[in-house]
N, C-alpha and C. Protein backbone atom coordinates (compact mmCIF):
# COMPACT_ATOMS: atom_id res chain seq x y z
N MET A 1 -20.41 -31.42 3.40
CA MET A 1 -19.67 -30.17 3.47
C MET A 1 -20.65 -29.02 3.21
N THR A 2 -20.56 -27.95 3.99
CA THR A 2 -21.46 -26.81 3.83
C THR A 2 -20.81 -25.78 2.91
N GLU A 3 -21.66 -25.05 2.19
CA GLU A 3 -21.16 -24.00 1.30
C GLU A 3 -20.96 -22.71 2.08
N LYS A 4 -20.06 -21.91 1.58
CA LYS A 4 -19.81 -20.62 2.23
C LYS A 4 -20.98 -19.69 1.96
N SER A 5 -21.36 -18.94 2.98
CA SER A 5 -22.46 -18.00 2.82
C SER A 5 -21.98 -16.63 2.34
N VAL A 6 -20.66 -16.38 2.43
CA VAL A 6 -20.11 -15.09 2.04
C VAL A 6 -19.03 -15.31 0.97
N ASP A 7 -19.15 -14.58 -0.13
CA ASP A 7 -18.10 -14.64 -1.14
C ASP A 7 -16.97 -13.71 -0.75
N VAL A 8 -15.76 -14.14 -0.95
CA VAL A 8 -14.59 -13.35 -0.60
C VAL A 8 -13.96 -12.80 -1.88
N VAL A 9 -13.64 -11.51 -1.85
CA VAL A 9 -13.02 -10.86 -3.00
C VAL A 9 -11.75 -10.17 -2.52
N GLY A 10 -10.65 -10.41 -3.24
CA GLY A 10 -9.39 -9.76 -2.92
C GLY A 10 -9.33 -8.38 -3.56
N VAL A 11 -8.66 -7.45 -2.89
CA VAL A 11 -8.55 -6.08 -3.39
C VAL A 11 -7.08 -5.69 -3.45
N ASP A 12 -6.69 -5.11 -4.58
CA ASP A 12 -5.33 -4.60 -4.75
C ASP A 12 -5.42 -3.10 -4.97
N LEU A 13 -5.00 -2.32 -3.98
CA LEU A 13 -4.98 -0.87 -4.11
C LEU A 13 -3.67 -0.49 -4.78
N GLY A 14 -3.76 0.30 -5.83
CA GLY A 14 -2.57 0.58 -6.60
C GLY A 14 -2.37 2.03 -6.95
N VAL A 15 -1.35 2.26 -7.75
CA VAL A 15 -0.99 3.60 -8.18
C VAL A 15 -1.65 3.92 -9.52
N LYS A 16 -1.58 2.98 -10.45
CA LYS A 16 -2.12 3.20 -11.79
C LYS A 16 -3.64 3.29 -11.76
N SER A 17 -4.28 2.42 -11.00
CA SER A 17 -5.72 2.47 -10.82
C SER A 17 -6.00 2.52 -9.32
N LEU A 18 -7.17 3.02 -8.96
CA LEU A 18 -7.51 3.15 -7.55
C LEU A 18 -7.52 1.78 -6.87
N ALA A 19 -8.22 0.83 -7.49
CA ALA A 19 -8.29 -0.52 -6.92
C ALA A 19 -8.64 -1.52 -8.01
N THR A 20 -8.17 -2.75 -7.82
CA THR A 20 -8.51 -3.85 -8.71
C THR A 20 -8.98 -5.01 -7.85
N LEU A 21 -10.16 -5.52 -8.16
CA LEU A 21 -10.70 -6.66 -7.43
C LEU A 21 -10.22 -7.96 -8.06
N SER A 22 -10.25 -9.03 -7.27
CA SER A 22 -9.83 -10.32 -7.79
C SER A 22 -10.82 -10.86 -8.83
N THR A 23 -12.00 -10.26 -8.89
CA THR A 23 -12.98 -10.65 -9.91
C THR A 23 -12.68 -10.01 -11.26
N GLY A 24 -11.70 -9.10 -11.29
CA GLY A 24 -11.30 -8.44 -12.53
C GLY A 24 -11.86 -7.03 -12.66
N GLU A 25 -12.71 -6.62 -11.75
CA GLU A 25 -13.30 -5.27 -11.80
C GLU A 25 -12.24 -4.24 -11.39
N VAL A 26 -12.13 -3.17 -12.17
CA VAL A 26 -11.12 -2.15 -11.93
C VAL A 26 -11.80 -0.83 -11.62
N PHE A 27 -11.38 -0.18 -10.53
CA PHE A 27 -11.85 1.16 -10.18
C PHE A 27 -10.75 2.13 -10.57
N ILE A 28 -11.03 3.00 -11.51
CA ILE A 28 -10.03 3.92 -12.03
C ILE A 28 -9.99 5.18 -11.18
N GLY A 29 -8.80 5.62 -10.83
CA GLY A 29 -8.62 6.86 -10.09
C GLY A 29 -8.81 8.05 -11.02
N ALA A 30 -8.97 9.21 -10.46
CA ALA A 30 -9.21 10.41 -11.25
C ALA A 30 -7.96 10.83 -12.01
N LYS A 31 -8.15 11.35 -13.19
CA LYS A 31 -7.03 11.84 -14.00
C LYS A 31 -6.48 13.14 -13.42
N SER A 32 -7.29 13.87 -12.68
CA SER A 32 -6.84 15.14 -12.14
C SER A 32 -5.64 14.96 -11.21
N TYR A 33 -5.56 13.82 -10.55
CA TYR A 33 -4.44 13.52 -9.66
C TYR A 33 -3.13 13.52 -10.45
N ARG A 34 -3.15 12.88 -11.61
CA ARG A 34 -1.95 12.82 -12.45
C ARG A 34 -1.62 14.19 -13.04
N LYS A 35 -2.66 14.96 -13.37
CA LYS A 35 -2.44 16.30 -13.90
C LYS A 35 -1.77 17.19 -12.86
N LEU A 36 -2.20 17.05 -11.60
CA LEU A 36 -1.60 17.84 -10.53
C LEU A 36 -0.12 17.49 -10.36
N GLU A 37 0.20 16.21 -10.47
CA GLU A 37 1.60 15.81 -10.35
C GLU A 37 2.43 16.41 -11.47
N ALA A 38 1.88 16.43 -12.69
CA ALA A 38 2.60 17.00 -13.82
C ALA A 38 2.81 18.50 -13.64
N LYS A 39 1.77 19.21 -13.17
CA LYS A 39 1.89 20.65 -12.94
C LYS A 39 2.92 20.95 -11.86
N LEU A 40 2.88 20.15 -10.80
CA LEU A 40 3.81 20.34 -9.70
C LEU A 40 5.25 20.14 -10.18
N SER A 41 5.46 19.13 -10.95
CA SER A 41 6.79 18.86 -11.49
C SER A 41 7.27 20.02 -12.35
N ARG A 42 6.38 20.54 -13.19
CA ARG A 42 6.73 21.64 -14.09
C ARG A 42 7.07 22.92 -13.29
N LEU A 43 6.26 23.24 -12.29
CA LEU A 43 6.52 24.44 -11.48
C LEU A 43 7.85 24.34 -10.74
N GLN A 44 8.14 23.17 -10.19
CA GLN A 44 9.40 22.99 -9.48
C GLN A 44 10.58 23.09 -10.44
N TYR A 45 10.40 22.58 -11.64
CA TYR A 45 11.45 22.65 -12.66
C TYR A 45 11.73 24.11 -13.04
N LEU A 46 10.66 24.90 -13.23
CA LEU A 46 10.84 26.30 -13.62
C LEU A 46 11.40 27.16 -12.49
N ASN A 47 11.19 26.74 -11.26
CA ASN A 47 11.61 27.53 -10.12
C ASN A 47 13.07 27.30 -9.73
N ARG A 48 13.73 26.32 -10.30
CA ARG A 48 15.05 25.94 -9.83
C ARG A 48 16.14 26.98 -10.09
N HIS A 49 15.99 27.82 -11.12
CA HIS A 49 17.04 28.79 -11.42
C HIS A 49 16.71 30.20 -10.95
N LYS A 50 15.59 30.37 -10.29
CA LYS A 50 15.23 31.70 -9.78
C LYS A 50 16.11 32.03 -8.58
N THR A 51 16.39 33.31 -8.42
CA THR A 51 17.19 33.76 -7.28
C THR A 51 16.38 33.57 -6.00
N LYS A 52 16.98 32.88 -5.02
CA LYS A 52 16.25 32.59 -3.79
C LYS A 52 15.82 33.87 -3.09
N PHE A 53 14.61 33.85 -2.59
CA PHE A 53 13.98 34.93 -1.82
C PHE A 53 13.68 36.17 -2.64
N SER A 54 13.78 36.08 -3.96
CA SER A 54 13.33 37.19 -4.81
C SER A 54 11.80 37.14 -4.89
N HIS A 55 11.22 38.20 -5.42
CA HIS A 55 9.76 38.26 -5.52
C HIS A 55 9.24 37.13 -6.42
N ASN A 56 9.91 36.90 -7.54
CA ASN A 56 9.47 35.84 -8.46
C ASN A 56 9.59 34.46 -7.82
N TRP A 57 10.66 34.26 -7.03
CA TRP A 57 10.86 32.99 -6.35
C TRP A 57 9.76 32.76 -5.32
N ARG A 58 9.43 33.82 -4.55
CA ARG A 58 8.39 33.70 -3.53
C ARG A 58 7.01 33.41 -4.15
N ALA A 59 6.73 34.07 -5.27
CA ALA A 59 5.46 33.83 -5.96
C ALA A 59 5.38 32.40 -6.47
N ALA A 60 6.47 31.90 -7.00
CA ALA A 60 6.50 30.52 -7.50
C ALA A 60 6.37 29.53 -6.34
N GLN A 61 7.02 29.83 -5.21
CA GLN A 61 6.93 28.96 -4.04
C GLN A 61 5.49 28.89 -3.53
N LEU A 62 4.80 30.01 -3.58
CA LEU A 62 3.40 30.05 -3.15
C LEU A 62 2.54 29.17 -4.05
N LYS A 63 2.77 29.24 -5.37
CA LYS A 63 2.04 28.39 -6.30
C LYS A 63 2.32 26.92 -6.03
N ILE A 64 3.58 26.61 -5.78
CA ILE A 64 3.96 25.22 -5.49
C ILE A 64 3.30 24.73 -4.21
N ALA A 65 3.25 25.57 -3.19
CA ALA A 65 2.63 25.20 -1.91
C ALA A 65 1.13 24.94 -2.09
N LYS A 66 0.47 25.79 -2.88
CA LYS A 66 -0.96 25.58 -3.13
C LYS A 66 -1.21 24.27 -3.87
N LEU A 67 -0.34 23.97 -4.82
CA LEU A 67 -0.48 22.73 -5.58
C LEU A 67 -0.22 21.52 -4.69
N HIS A 68 0.76 21.62 -3.79
CA HIS A 68 1.02 20.54 -2.84
C HIS A 68 -0.22 20.28 -1.99
N SER A 69 -0.85 21.36 -1.56
CA SER A 69 -2.05 21.24 -0.74
C SER A 69 -3.18 20.53 -1.51
N MET A 70 -3.38 20.93 -2.75
CA MET A 70 -4.42 20.29 -3.57
C MET A 70 -4.08 18.82 -3.79
N HIS A 71 -2.82 18.54 -4.02
CA HIS A 71 -2.37 17.16 -4.25
C HIS A 71 -2.67 16.30 -3.03
N SER A 72 -2.36 16.79 -1.84
CA SER A 72 -2.60 16.01 -0.63
C SER A 72 -4.09 15.84 -0.37
N GLN A 73 -4.90 16.86 -0.71
CA GLN A 73 -6.35 16.72 -0.54
C GLN A 73 -6.90 15.63 -1.45
N HIS A 74 -6.40 15.56 -2.69
CA HIS A 74 -6.83 14.51 -3.62
C HIS A 74 -6.44 13.14 -3.07
N GLU A 75 -5.23 13.06 -2.54
CA GLU A 75 -4.74 11.80 -2.01
C GLU A 75 -5.62 11.34 -0.84
N LYS A 76 -5.95 12.25 0.07
CA LYS A 76 -6.80 11.91 1.21
C LYS A 76 -8.19 11.48 0.75
N ARG A 77 -8.70 12.16 -0.28
CA ARG A 77 -10.03 11.83 -0.79
C ARG A 77 -10.05 10.41 -1.36
N TYR A 78 -9.01 10.03 -2.11
CA TYR A 78 -8.99 8.70 -2.70
C TYR A 78 -8.80 7.61 -1.67
N ILE A 79 -8.03 7.90 -0.63
CA ILE A 79 -7.88 6.93 0.46
C ILE A 79 -9.21 6.74 1.17
N ALA A 80 -9.92 7.83 1.41
CA ALA A 80 -11.23 7.75 2.05
C ALA A 80 -12.22 6.99 1.17
N GLN A 81 -12.14 7.24 -0.15
CA GLN A 81 -13.02 6.54 -1.08
C GLN A 81 -12.73 5.04 -1.09
N ALA A 82 -11.46 4.69 -1.04
CA ALA A 82 -11.09 3.27 -1.01
C ALA A 82 -11.57 2.63 0.29
N ASN A 83 -11.42 3.34 1.40
CA ASN A 83 -11.90 2.80 2.68
C ASN A 83 -13.41 2.62 2.67
N TYR A 84 -14.12 3.54 2.05
CA TYR A 84 -15.57 3.45 1.97
C TYR A 84 -16.00 2.26 1.10
N LEU A 85 -15.33 2.11 -0.04
CA LEU A 85 -15.69 1.03 -0.95
C LEU A 85 -15.32 -0.34 -0.44
N PHE A 86 -14.15 -0.44 0.20
CA PHE A 86 -13.64 -1.76 0.55
C PHE A 86 -13.44 -1.98 2.03
N GLY A 87 -13.74 -0.98 2.83
CA GLY A 87 -13.48 -1.08 4.27
C GLY A 87 -14.59 -1.65 4.98
């Protein structure tokens, strides 16, 4: 019987950590991603009782939109990082 020339490692991409290998090695995602989610949640919570289309509401909506954009950029970056590491 011949031995395998390539070792195979399983990868689990997750939410809590970026990735976990079957060898037990864990790649931790950035904490900034979780901080952005917390900020986004807080801004949406504070904006719920504002009068729609008022100046304060529009300013809050703009902040929320900017945070959504940053959140999606972080998400795309981590997906690209995972593809680079394990793709």
